[in-house]
């Protein structure tokens, strides 16, 4: 099976990282506007979108908990072949828990 990858240091790699940085910066800006001006800027004035908005935080809480459980299970079983996934799930769990607590 042939895989297609982007080599680190290539122009495509730098463009991809740049696009991700712009996306994260835009999300951080939108979140800061929402936190400083209130949830009214989201335009959620109907009960269904508000329910979806609130449920998303429950989803984040479950995703963060699941990531931490996966990490704990791999550490307990001493499965070292999945260390990279374990590191990613620790970061994901911490970020999701922080975002969920700030809302």
Protein backbone atom coordinates (compact mmCIF):
# COMPACT_ATOMS: atom_id res chain seq x y z
CA UNK A 1 0.00 0.00 0.00
CA UNK A 2 1.42 3.34 -1.03
CA UNK A 3 1.05 6.19 1.45
CA UNK A 4 1.11 9.85 0.63
CA UNK A 5 2.79 12.07 3.17
CA UNK A 6 4.05 15.56 3.59
CA UNK A 7 7.71 15.78 4.45
CA UNK A 8 8.69 18.00 7.35
CA UNK A 9 10.32 21.18 6.14
CA UNK A 10 8.72 21.06 2.68
CA UNK A 11 6.65 23.89 1.26
CA UNK A 12 3.45 21.85 1.55
CA UNK A 13 4.22 21.10 5.20
CA UNK A 14 4.75 24.77 5.96
CA UNK A 15 1.53 25.69 4.12
CA UNK A 16 -0.40 23.05 6.06
CA UNK A 17 0.99 24.25 9.40
CA UNK A 18 0.25 27.85 8.40
CA UNK A 19 -3.35 26.97 7.54
CA UNK A 20 -3.79 25.19 10.87
CA UNK A 21 -2.32 28.16 12.77
CA UNK A 22 -4.73 30.52 10.99
CA UNK A 23 -7.66 28.23 11.82
CA UNK A 24 -6.69 28.03 15.50
CA UNK A 25 -6.17 31.81 15.64
CA UNK A 26 -9.62 32.41 14.13
CA UNK A 27 -11.22 29.98 16.60
CA UNK A 28 -9.44 31.66 19.53
CA UNK A 29 -10.58 35.08 18.31
CA UNK A 30 -14.20 33.91 17.93
CA UNK A 31 -14.12 32.29 21.37
CA UNK A 32 -12.68 35.47 22.96
CA UNK A 33 -15.44 37.58 21.37
CA UNK A 34 -18.03 35.15 22.70
CA UNK A 35 -16.54 35.22 26.21
CA UNK A 36 -16.21 39.01 26.36
CA UNK A 37 -19.51 40.02 24.72
CA UNK A 38 -21.66 37.13 25.91
CA UNK A 39 -23.47 34.34 24.18
CA UNK A 40 -25.80 36.77 22.43
CA UNK A 41 -23.25 37.19 19.64
CA UNK A 42 -23.84 33.58 18.60
CA UNK A 43 -27.35 34.46 17.44
CA UNK A 44 -28.81 31.43 19.18
CA UNK A 45 -32.29 32.68 19.98
CA UNK A 46 -34.19 29.47 19.22
CA UNK A 47 -34.48 26.59 21.67
CA UNK A 48 -33.15 23.90 19.29
CA UNK A 49 -29.80 25.58 18.51
CA UNK A 50 -29.32 26.36 22.20
CA UNK A 51 -29.89 22.70 23.02
CA UNK A 52 -27.30 21.67 20.44
CA UNK A 53 -24.87 24.24 21.78
CA UNK A 54 -25.23 23.01 25.36
CA UNK A 55 -25.08 19.35 24.28
CA UNK A 56 -21.77 20.02 22.54
CA UNK A 57 -20.22 20.72 25.94
CA UNK A 58 -21.49 17.36 27.18
CA UNK A 59 -19.88 15.76 24.13
CA UNK A 60 -16.60 17.51 24.93
CA UNK A 61 -16.73 16.26 28.50
CA UNK A 62 -17.27 12.69 27.29
CA UNK A 63 -14.53 12.96 24.70
CA UNK A 64 -12.04 14.25 27.27
CA UNK A 65 -12.95 11.52 29.73
CA UNK A 66 -12.67 8.86 27.04
CA UNK A 67 -9.25 10.13 26.01
CA UNK A 68 -8.01 9.95 29.59
CA UNK A 69 -9.45 6.44 30.02
CA UNK A 70 -7.66 5.26 26.86
CA UNK A 71 -4.42 6.70 28.18
CA UNK A 72 -4.85 5.11 31.60
CA UNK A 73 -5.67 1.73 30.07
CA UNK A 74 -2.56 1.82 27.89
CA UNK A 75 -0.38 2.80 30.84
CA UNK A 76 -1.82 0.07 33.08
CA UNK A 77 -1.39 -2.57 30.37
CA UNK A 78 2.11 -1.23 29.63
CA UNK A 79 1.46 -1.14 25.91
CA UNK A 80 4.41 0.86 24.61
CA UNK A 81 3.61 0.56 20.92
CA UNK A 82 0.82 3.12 21.36
CA UNK A 83 2.82 5.75 23.25
CA UNK A 84 2.23 8.37 20.53
CA UNK A 85 -1.54 7.88 20.78
CA UNK A 86 -1.26 8.00 24.55
CA UNK A 87 0.50 11.38 24.43
CA UNK A 88 -2.09 12.77 22.03
CA UNK A 89 -4.98 11.57 24.20
CA UNK A 90 -3.45 13.17 27.31
CA UNK A 91 -3.22 16.53 25.55
CA UNK A 92 -6.69 16.12 24.03
CA UNK A 93 -8.21 15.24 27.41
CA UNK A 94 -6.57 18.20 29.13
CA UNK A 95 -7.58 20.70 26.43
CA UNK A 96 -11.15 19.44 26.25
CA UNK A 97 -11.50 19.53 30.04
CA UNK A 98 -10.15 23.10 30.11
CA UNK A 99 -12.52 24.25 27.35
CA UNK A 100 -15.48 22.54 28.98
CA UNK A 101 -14.73 24.12 32.38
CA UNK A 102 -14.36 27.63 30.95
CA UNK A 103 -17.84 27.63 29.47
